[in-house]
Amino acid sequence: MKSNSLLNYYKMILKKVSFDDFLLEKEYQKALKFIHPSERPKLDQWMIENRLLRN
């Protein structure tokens, strides 16, 4: 699976589990492990734009 495909896959998953903070954090950490390091800032920006990133 291409890197961008993984990023899009995890965006979809994160959106679906956003109702539960525990699941969101678990899937976010998993995404950080599997996506390419250069894609991490894009994921973080997407999380901020969608108000999913918790401080």
PDB file of N, CA and C in Angstrom:
ATOM      1  N   MET A   1       0.849  -1.173   0.000  1.00  0.00           N
ATOM      2  CA  MET A   1       0.000   0.000   0.000  1.00  0.00           C
ATOM      3  C   MET A   1       0.895   1.236   0.000  1.00  0.00           C
ATOM      4  N   LYS A   2       0.578   2.191  -0.842  1.00  0.00           N
ATOM      5  CA  LYS A   2       1.378   3.396  -0.936  1.00  0.00           C
ATOM      6  C   LYS A   2       1.196   4.254   0.312  1.00  0.00           C
ATOM      7  N   SER A   3       2.193   5.071   0.589  1.00  0.00           N
ATOM      8  CA  SER A   3       2.189   5.915   1.776  1.00  0.00           C
ATOM      9  C   SER A   3       0.950   6.807   1.838  1.00  0.00           C
ATOM     10  N   ASN A   4       0.636   7.469   0.735  1.00  0.00           N
ATOM     11  CA  ASN A   4      -0.522   8.353   0.712  1.00  0.00           C
ATOM     12  C   ASN A   4      -1.811   7.573   0.942  1.00  0.00           C
ATOM     13  N   SER A   5      -1.851   6.337   0.455  1.00  0.00           N
ATOM     14  CA  SER A   5      -3.022   5.493   0.677  1.00  0.00           C
ATOM     15  C   SER A   5      -3.184   5.185   2.158  1.00  0.00           C
ATOM     16  N   LEU A   6      -2.066   4.931   2.831  1.00  0.00           N
ATOM     17  CA  LEU A   6      -2.129   4.685   4.275  1.00  0.00           C
ATOM     18  C   LEU A   6      -2.600   5.929   5.013  1.00  0.00           C
ATOM     19  N   LEU A   7      -2.112   7.077   4.608  1.00  0.00           N
ATOM     20  CA  LEU A   7      -2.541   8.321   5.244  1.00  0.00           C
ATOM     21  C   LEU A   7      -4.045   8.494   5.091  1.00  0.00           C
ATOM     22  N   ASN A   8      -4.551   8.298   3.898  1.00  0.00           N
ATOM     23  CA  ASN A   8      -5.995   8.423   3.668  1.00  0.00           C
ATOM     24  C   ASN A   8      -6.778   7.365   4.437  1.00  0.00           C
ATOM     25  N   TYR A   9      -6.244   6.165   4.513  1.00  0.00           N
ATOM     26  CA  TYR A   9      -6.890   5.099   5.268  1.00  0.00           C
ATOM     27  C   TYR A   9      -7.016   5.492   6.742  1.00  0.00           C
ATOM     28  N   TYR A  10      -5.932   5.983   7.320  1.00  0.00           N
ATOM     29  CA  TYR A  10      -5.985   6.346   8.735  1.00  0.00           C
ATOM     30  C   TYR A  10      -6.840   7.583   8.986  1.00  0.00           C
ATOM     31  N   LYS A  11      -6.917   8.490   8.031  1.00  0.00           N
ATOM     32  CA  LYS A  11      -7.834   9.627   8.173  1.00  0.00           C
ATOM     33  C   LYS A  11      -9.271   9.116   8.284  1.00  0.00           C
ATOM     34  N   MET A  12      -9.601   8.141   7.438  1.00  0.00           N
ATOM     35  CA  MET A  12     -10.946   7.572   7.466  1.00  0.00           C
ATOM     36  C   MET A  12     -11.216   6.898   8.811  1.00  0.00           C
ATOM     37  N   ILE A  13     -10.251   6.109   9.280  1.00  0.00           N
ATOM     38  CA  ILE A  13     -10.409   5.411  10.560  1.00  0.00           C
ATOM     39  C   ILE A  13     -10.549   6.409  11.700  1.00  0.00           C
ATOM     40  N   LEU A  14      -9.693   7.411  11.726  1.00  0.00           N
ATOM     41  CA  LEU A  14      -9.720   8.400  12.803  1.00  0.00           C
ATOM     42  C   LEU A  14     -11.044   9.151  12.832  1.00  0.00           C
ATOM     43  N   LYS A  15     -11.562   9.467  11.678  1.00  0.00           N
ATOM     44  CA  LYS A  15     -12.861  10.152  11.615  1.00  0.00           C
ATOM     45  C   LYS A  15     -13.963   9.251  12.194  1.00  0.00           C
ATOM     46  N   LYS A  16     -13.892   7.960  11.879  1.00  0.00           N
ATOM     47  CA  LYS A  16     -14.920   7.028  12.347  1.00  0.00           C
ATOM     48  C   LYS A  16     -14.865   6.773  13.849  1.00  0.00           C
ATOM     49  N   VAL A  17     -13.684   6.837  14.455  1.00  0.00           N
ATOM     50  CA  VAL A  17     -13.572   6.561  15.893  1.00  0.00           C
ATOM     51  C   VAL A  17     -13.506   7.839  16.727  1.00  0.00           C
ATOM     52  N   SER A  18     -13.719   8.986  16.107  1.00  0.00           N
ATOM     53  CA  SER A  18     -13.575  10.257  16.809  1.00  0.00           C
ATOM     54  C   SER A  18     -14.581  10.447  17.941  1.00  0.00           C
ATOM     55  N   PHE A  19     -15.625   9.634  17.984  1.00  0.00           N
ATOM     56  CA  PHE A  19     -16.615   9.720  19.051  1.00  0.00           C
ATOM     57  C   PHE A  19     -16.065   9.243  20.399  1.00  0.00           C
ATOM     58  N   ASP A  20     -14.955   8.494  20.370  1.00  0.00           N
ATOM     59  CA  ASP A  20     -14.382   7.904  21.590  1.00  0.00           C
ATOM     60  C   ASP A  20     -12.918   8.327  21.716  1.00  0.00           C
ATOM     61  N   ASP A  21     -12.618   9.108  22.751  1.00  0.00           N
ATOM     62  CA  ASP A  21     -11.250   9.614  22.923  1.00  0.00           C
ATOM     63  C   ASP A  21     -10.222   8.503  23.049  1.00  0.00           C
ATOM     64  N   PHE A  22     -10.567   7.417  23.725  1.00  0.00           N
ATOM     65  CA  PHE A  22      -9.631   6.310  23.893  1.00  0.00           C
ATOM     66  C   PHE A  22      -9.299   5.661  22.549  1.00  0.00           C
ATOM     67  N   LEU A  23     -10.330   5.366  21.777  1.00  0.00           N
ATOM     68  CA  LEU A  23     -10.113   4.762  20.459  1.00  0.00           C
ATOM     69  C   LEU A  23      -9.380   5.719  19.529  1.00  0.00           C
ATOM     70  N   LEU A  24      -9.714   6.991  19.606  1.00  0.00           N
ATOM     71  CA  LEU A  24      -9.058   7.982  18.765  1.00  0.00           C
ATOM     72  C   LEU A  24      -7.563   8.013  19.051  1.00  0.00           C
ATOM     73  N   GLU A  25      -7.199   8.055  20.311  1.00  0.00           N
ATOM     74  CA  GLU A  25      -5.780   8.079  20.676  1.00  0.00           C
ATOM     75  C   GLU A  25      -5.079   6.798  20.254  1.00  0.00           C
ATOM     76  N   LYS A  26      -5.729   5.670  20.450  1.00  0.00           N
ATOM     77  CA  LYS A  26      -5.148   4.376  20.076  1.00  0.00           C
ATOM     78  C   LYS A  26      -4.882   4.310  18.565  1.00  0.00           C
ATOM     79  N   GLU A  27      -5.862   4.702  17.780  1.00  0.00           N
ATOM     80  CA  GLU A  27      -5.712   4.658  16.326  1.00  0.00           C
ATOM     81  C   GLU A  27      -4.735   5.718  15.828  1.00  0.00           C
ATOM     82  N   TYR A  28      -4.691   6.862  16.488  1.00  0.00           N
ATOM     83  CA  TYR A  28      -3.737   7.904  16.116  1.00  0.00           C
ATOM     84  C   TYR A  28      -2.308   7.409  16.335  1.00  0.00           C
ATOM     85  N   GLN A  29      -2.061   6.775  17.469  1.00  0.00           N
ATOM     86  CA  GLN A  29      -0.729   6.232  17.750  1.00  0.00           C
ATOM     87  C   GLN A  29      -0.364   5.137  16.746  1.00  0.00           C
ATOM     88  N   LYS A  30      -1.330   4.318  16.401  1.00  0.00           N
ATOM     89  CA  LYS A  30      -1.100   3.270  15.406  1.00  0.00           C
ATOM     90  C   LYS A  30      -0.759   3.888  14.052  1.00  0.00           C
ATOM     91  N   ALA A  31      -1.489   4.929  13.683  1.00  0.00           N
ATOM     92  CA  ALA A  31      -1.230   5.610  12.415  1.00  0.00           C
ATOM     93  C   ALA A  31       0.190   6.160  12.379  1.00  0.00           C
ATOM     94  N   LEU A  32       0.639   6.740  13.479  1.00  0.00           N
ATOM     95  CA  LEU A  32       1.990   7.301  13.522  1.00  0.00           C
ATOM     96  C   LEU A  32       3.053   6.229  13.318  1.00  0.00           C
ATOM     97  N   LYS A  33       2.765   5.009  13.733  1.00  0.00           N
ATOM     98  CA  LYS A  33       3.708   3.910  13.541  1.00  0.00           C
ATOM     99  C   LYS A  33       3.792   3.476  12.077  1.00  0.00           C
ATOM    100  N   PHE A  34       2.667   3.513  11.388  1.00  0.00           N
ATOM    101  CA  PHE A  34       2.599   2.913  10.056  1.00  0.00           C
ATOM    102  C   PHE A  34       2.769   3.873   8.889  1.00  0.00           C
ATOM    103  N   ILE A  35       2.402   5.135   9.077  1.00  0.00           N
ATOM    104  CA  ILE A  35       2.573   6.053   7.950  1.00  0.00           C
ATOM    105  C   ILE A  35       4.035   6.504   7.875  1.00  0.00           C
ATOM    106  N   HIS A  36       4.429   6.940   6.723  1.00  0.00           N
ATOM    107  CA  HIS A  36       5.801   7.403   6.504  1.00  0.00           C
ATOM    108  C   HIS A  36       6.045   8.658   7.352  1.00  0.00           C
ATOM    109  N   PRO A  37       7.238   8.788   7.936  1.00  0.00           N
ATOM    110  CA  PRO A  37       7.530   9.964   8.770  1.00  0.00           C
ATOM    111  C   PRO A  37       7.254  11.308   8.082  1.00  0.00           C
ATOM    112  N   SER A  38       7.429  11.371   6.787  1.00  0.00           N
ATOM    113  CA  SER A  38       7.153  12.628   6.086  1.00  0.00           C
ATOM    114  C   SER A  38       5.659  12.951   6.021  1.00  0.00           C
ATOM    115  N   GLU A  39       4.810  11.947   6.274  1.00  0.00           N
ATOM    116  CA  GLU A  39       3.357  12.138   6.246  1.00  0.00           C
ATOM    117  C   GLU A  39       2.800  12.564   7.611  1.00  0.00           C
ATOM    118  N   ARG A  40       3.579  12.436   8.660  1.00  0.00           N
ATOM    119  CA  ARG A  40       3.094  12.751  10.011  1.00  0.00           C
ATOM    120  C   ARG A  40       2.628  14.185  10.167  1.00  0.00           C
ATOM    121  N   PRO A  41       3.395  15.176   9.663  1.00  0.00           N
ATOM    122  CA  PRO A  41       2.885  16.561   9.779  1.00  0.00           C
ATOM    123  C   PRO A  41       1.554  16.769   9.055  1.00  0.00           C
ATOM    124  N   LYS A  42       1.368  16.080   7.939  1.00  0.00           N
ATOM    125  CA  LYS A  42       0.097  16.183   7.209  1.00  0.00           C
ATOM    126  C   LYS A  42      -1.044  15.624   8.044  1.00  0.00           C
ATOM    127  N   LEU A  43      -0.787  14.503   8.725  1.00  0.00           N
ATOM    128  CA  LEU A  43      -1.815  13.914   9.576  1.00  0.00           C
ATOM    129  C   LEU A  43      -2.126  14.840  10.748  1.00  0.00           C
ATOM    130  N   ASP A  44      -1.101  15.389  11.364  1.00  0.00           N
ATOM    131  CA  ASP A  44      -1.318  16.312  12.480  1.00  0.00           C
ATOM    132  C   ASP A  44      -2.125  17.527  12.038  1.00  0.00           C
ATOM    133  N   GLN A  45      -1.786  18.077  10.879  1.00  0.00           N
ATOM    134  CA  GLN A  45      -2.524  19.230  10.365  1.00  0.00           C
ATOM    135  C   GLN A  45      -3.980  18.867  10.100  1.00  0.00           C
ATOM    136  N   TRP A  46      -4.198  17.707   9.534  1.00  0.00           N
ATOM    137  CA  TRP A  46      -5.565  17.236   9.277  1.00  0.00           C
ATOM    138  C   TRP A  46      -6.339  17.083  10.582  1.00  0.00           C
ATOM    139  N   MET A  47      -5.662  16.547  11.606  1.00  0.00           N
ATOM    140  CA  MET A  47      -6.301  16.373  12.920  1.00  0.00           C
ATOM    141  C   MET A  47      -6.706  17.730  13.506  1.00  0.00           C
ATOM    142  N   ILE A  48      -5.840  18.718  13.373  1.00  0.00           N
ATOM    143  CA  ILE A  48      -6.142  20.061  13.878  1.00  0.00           C
ATOM    144  C   ILE A  48      -7.309  20.667  13.106  1.00  0.00           C
ATOM    145  N   GLU A  49      -7.260  20.571  11.793  1.00  0.00           N
ATOM    146  CA  GLU A  49      -8.322  21.141  10.950  1.00  0.00           C
ATOM    147  C   GLU A  49      -9.677  20.511  11.249  1.00  0.00           C
ATOM    148  N   ASN A  50      -9.685  19.247  11.608  1.00  0.00           N
ATOM    149  CA  ASN A  50     -10.928  18.538  11.902  1.00  0.00           C
ATOM    150  C   ASN A  50     -11.254  18.499  13.384  1.00  0.00           C
ATOM    151  N   ARG A  51     -10.490  19.261  14.147  1.00  0.00           N
ATOM    152  CA  ARG A  51     -10.695  19.391  15.597  1.00  0.00           C
ATOM    153  C   ARG A  51     -10.687  18.038  16.295  1.00  0.00           C
ATOM    154  N   LEU A  52      -9.768  17.174  15.854  1.00  0.00           N
ATOM    155  CA  LEU A  52      -9.645  15.854  16.458  1.00  0.00           C
ATOM    156  C   LEU A  52      -8.431  15.739  17.363  1.00  0.00           C
ATOM    157  N   LEU A  53      -7.490  16.659  17.219  1.00  0.00           N
ATOM    158  CA  LEU A  53      -6.270  16.608  18.022  1.00  0.00           C
ATOM    159  C   LEU A  53      -6.548  17.193  19.392  1.00  0.00           C
ATOM    160  N   ARG A  54      -6.315  16.404  20.400  1.00  0.00           N
ATOM    161  CA  ARG A  54      -6.547  16.832  21.779  1.00  0.00           C
ATOM    162  C   ARG A  54      -5.221  17.278  22.385  1.00  0.00           C
ATOM    163  N   ASN A  55      -5.270  18.340  23.192  1.00  0.00           N
ATOM    164  CA  ASN A  55      -4.050  18.813  23.865  1.00  0.00           C
ATOM    165  C   ASN A  55      -3.866  18.112  25.185  1.00  0.00           C
TER     166      ASN A  55
END
